[in-house]
Structures are given as structure tokens and as C-alpha cells.
Amino acid sequence: MPNQDFADTEFELQIIHCHLNPSDFSHEAHLRLAWIQINKYGIDIALQNVQNLLINYVQYVGAHDKYNKTLTIAACHIVHHFIRKSKSKVFTDFIVEFPQLISGFKQLVEAHYSYDIFTSKKAKKHYHSPDLLPFDTATL
């Protein structure tokens, strides 16, 4: 499993200081960042932190065109949903407990949106609320 060589704190610091190799910044890394932030700060603060960290990171590595605001926020809400159901205390167990976060993530997003937020230029720049199924906004 990529990025599991680092403890959560070290992984988070690698992103904060833009030291994580861009080739290691996978979908799973995005999920892990959301998982760490939600568990540390709760969903409301995590939403802002993850956005700020990702914007800083992609700008630093020269991949600012890869950032998608709607997808970032949606991913945090989806991770939060599964955290609320989870018995896992570590991210690796969390992903094993909910493999659909890796294998079926696109379908999870598509349950909330009637259009493709992955490629929408508008969704990349501005947050779009779900038009099919709202995110559960209950806090931990």
C-alpha cells in the first residue's frame, strides 16, 4: 500500500512541507489526508485544511491544473461518511474495511452528482453541491 511507510503525522508533514514525491500522491494518498484531517479536527475544519493543503501542494509541484475543488470536498464528505461507520483506528484498516473507497470511488461520487465532476472545468474551480443525494453533514 503506497505511502504507508510513513506514520500519519509524518505523512501529513510530508504534504504540509511539500516533500512527498508527486508520484506517491495517489488517490489513496488523498483519502488518507482526508482521513487524518477529519480524525484530528472534525469534518468542518478538515474540509478547509484539506483544500488548503492540496492547493499548496499542487502549486508547489507544478500541477495546479490537477486540483478539483468539488472533488476534494466531495471526497472529504465521502471519507467522513465511512469514518462514522468505521471501527478502524488506523488508515490501512479503514481502507480494508471499506474497499469501495478505492475500487468504487467514482461510483460513490456518481451517487451524489448527475454529471461528471471529475472532468467539469466549473467543478474544478468552484464547489458544486450534490444535485442527486446530499452529503450527510452530521459531525463526529
Protein backbone atom coordinates (compact mmCIF):
# COMPACT_ATOMS: atom_id res chain seq x y z
CA MET A 1 0.00 0.00 0.00
CA PRO A 2 1.67 3.29 -1.07
CA ASN A 3 2.54 5.94 1.49
CA GLN A 4 2.19 3.54 4.40
CA ASP A 5 5.92 3.78 5.11
CA PHE A 6 5.13 6.99 6.99
CA ALA A 7 3.20 7.28 10.23
CA ASP A 8 0.18 9.56 9.89
CA THR A 9 2.00 12.54 11.39
CA GLU A 10 4.99 12.09 9.09
CA PHE A 11 2.72 11.61 6.07
CA GLU A 12 0.85 14.79 6.94
CA LEU A 13 4.14 16.69 7.37
CA GLN A 14 5.37 15.38 4.02
CA ILE A 15 2.34 17.03 2.40
CA ILE A 16 2.44 20.19 4.51
CA HIS A 17 6.10 20.77 3.59
CA CYS A 18 5.61 19.54 0.00
CA HIS A 19 8.21 16.79 0.44
CA LEU A 20 6.04 13.91 -0.69
CA ASN A 21 7.11 12.69 -4.11
CA PRO A 22 4.34 13.61 -6.58
CA SER A 23 4.39 10.05 -7.93
CA ASP A 24 3.33 8.90 -4.43
CA PHE A 25 0.41 11.33 -4.29
CA SER A 26 -2.24 8.86 -5.39
CA HIS A 27 -5.98 8.61 -4.89
CA GLU A 28 -5.23 6.65 -1.75
CA ALA A 29 -2.99 9.47 -0.50
CA HIS A 30 -5.86 11.93 -0.96
CA LEU A 31 -8.13 9.66 1.05
CA ARG A 32 -5.50 9.24 3.76
CA LEU A 33 -5.03 13.00 4.04
CA ALA A 34 -8.80 13.45 4.43
CA TRP A 35 -8.94 10.60 6.97
CA ILE A 36 -6.13 12.14 9.06
CA GLN A 37 -7.60 15.62 8.97
CA ILE A 38 -11.15 14.50 9.79
CA ASN A 39 -9.97 12.39 12.70
CA LYS A 40 -7.79 15.19 14.07
CA TYR A 41 -10.04 18.21 13.54
CA GLY A 42 -13.55 17.09 12.62
CA ILE A 43 -15.19 17.50 9.24
CA ASP A 44 -15.67 21.28 9.22
CA ILE A 45 -12.03 22.17 9.86
CA ALA A 46 -10.80 19.22 7.80
CA LEU A 47 -12.69 20.47 4.74
CA GLN A 48 -10.77 23.75 4.81
CA ASN A 49 -7.45 22.17 5.79
CA VAL A 50 -7.52 19.55 3.02
CA GLN A 51 -8.34 22.18 0.41
CA ASN A 52 -5.54 24.45 1.59
CA LEU A 53 -3.00 21.62 1.83
CA LEU A 54 -3.84 20.28 -1.61
CA ILE A 55 -3.80 23.71 -3.26
CA ASN A 56 -0.41 24.44 -1.72
CA TYR A 57 0.96 21.02 -2.68
CA VAL A 58 -0.22 21.05 -6.31
CA GLN A 59 1.07 24.58 -6.79
CA TYR A 60 4.44 23.62 -5.32
CA VAL A 61 4.82 20.60 -7.60
CA GLY A 62 3.52 22.49 -10.64
CA ALA A 63 0.30 20.54 -11.03
CA HIS A 64 -2.24 23.24 -10.17
CA ASP A 65 -4.39 22.15 -13.12
CA LYS A 66 -4.94 18.81 -11.34
CA TYR A 67 -6.77 20.34 -8.37
CA ASN A 68 -10.55 19.90 -8.34
CA LYS A 69 -12.38 21.84 -5.63
CA THR A 70 -15.68 19.94 -5.91
CA LEU A 71 -13.98 16.56 -5.96
CA THR A 72 -11.81 17.47 -2.96
CA ILE A 73 -14.82 18.49 -0.88
CA ALA A 74 -16.86 15.51 -2.07
CA ALA A 75 -14.03 13.13 -1.17
CA CYS A 76 -13.83 14.56 2.35
CA HIS A 77 -17.57 14.11 2.82
CA ILE A 78 -17.42 10.56 1.50
CA VAL A 79 -14.49 9.67 3.79
CA HIS A 80 -16.36 11.26 6.70
CA HIS A 81 -19.42 9.14 5.94
CA PHE A 82 -17.35 5.95 6.21
CA ILE A 83 -15.41 7.14 9.27
CA ARG A 84 -18.74 7.45 11.08
CA LYS A 85 -19.41 3.74 10.34
CA SER A 86 -15.86 2.54 10.95
CA LYS A 87 -14.35 0.57 13.78
CA SER A 88 -10.83 1.12 12.43
CA LYS A 89 -8.20 3.06 14.32
CA VAL A 90 -5.60 3.17 11.53
CA PHE A 91 -5.95 4.12 7.88
CA THR A 92 -4.79 0.77 6.49
CA ASP A 93 -7.57 -0.98 8.43
CA PHE A 94 -10.06 1.68 7.33
CA ILE A 95 -9.31 1.02 3.65
CA VAL A 96 -9.59 -2.74 4.17
CA GLU A 97 -12.89 -2.18 5.98
CA PHE A 98 -14.25 -0.04 3.11
CA PRO A 99 -12.52 -1.18 -0.10
CA GLN A 100 -15.10 0.66 -2.21
CA LEU A 101 -13.23 3.87 -1.36
CA ILE A 102 -10.51 2.56 -3.68
CA SER A 103 -12.28 0.22 -6.09
CA GLY A 104 -15.61 2.04 -6.38
CA PHE A 105 -14.85 5.66 -5.58
CA LYS A 106 -16.17 7.00 -8.86
CA GLN A 107 -19.48 5.23 -8.25
CA LEU A 108 -19.66 6.71 -4.74
CA VAL A 109 -19.26 10.19 -6.23
CA GLU A 110 -21.76 9.45 -9.01
CA ALA A 111 -24.39 8.64 -6.37
CA HIS A 112 -24.30 12.35 -5.47
CA TYR A 113 -23.86 14.03 -8.87
CA SER A 114 -25.78 13.64 -12.12
CA TYR A 115 -22.83 14.96 -14.13
CA ASP A 116 -19.11 14.22 -14.27
CA ILE A 117 -17.41 16.39 -11.65
CA PHE A 118 -14.12 14.66 -12.46
CA THR A 119 -13.81 16.48 -15.79
CA SER A 120 -16.03 19.54 -15.31
CA LYS A 121 -13.97 22.73 -15.59
CA LYS A 122 -16.53 24.57 -13.46
CA ALA A 123 -16.41 21.89 -10.74
CA LYS A 124 -12.62 22.10 -10.69
CA LYS A 125 -12.66 25.82 -9.85
CA HIS A 126 -15.85 26.22 -7.80
CA TYR A 127 -17.60 23.93 -5.36
CA HIS A 128 -20.82 22.40 -6.66
CA SER A 129 -23.22 20.91 -4.16
CA PRO A 130 -24.57 17.47 -4.99
CA ASP A 131 -27.66 17.53 -7.18
CA LEU A 132 -28.77 13.93 -6.53
CA LEU A 133 -28.01 12.97 -2.94
CA PRO A 134 -26.81 15.49 -0.36
CA PHE A 135 -23.83 14.70 1.79
CA ASP A 136 -24.50 13.77 5.38
CA THR A 137 -23.36 16.86 7.26
CA ALA A 138 -23.56 15.37 10.77
CA THR A 139 -20.33 15.88 12.65
CA LEU A 140 -18.35 13.30 14.60
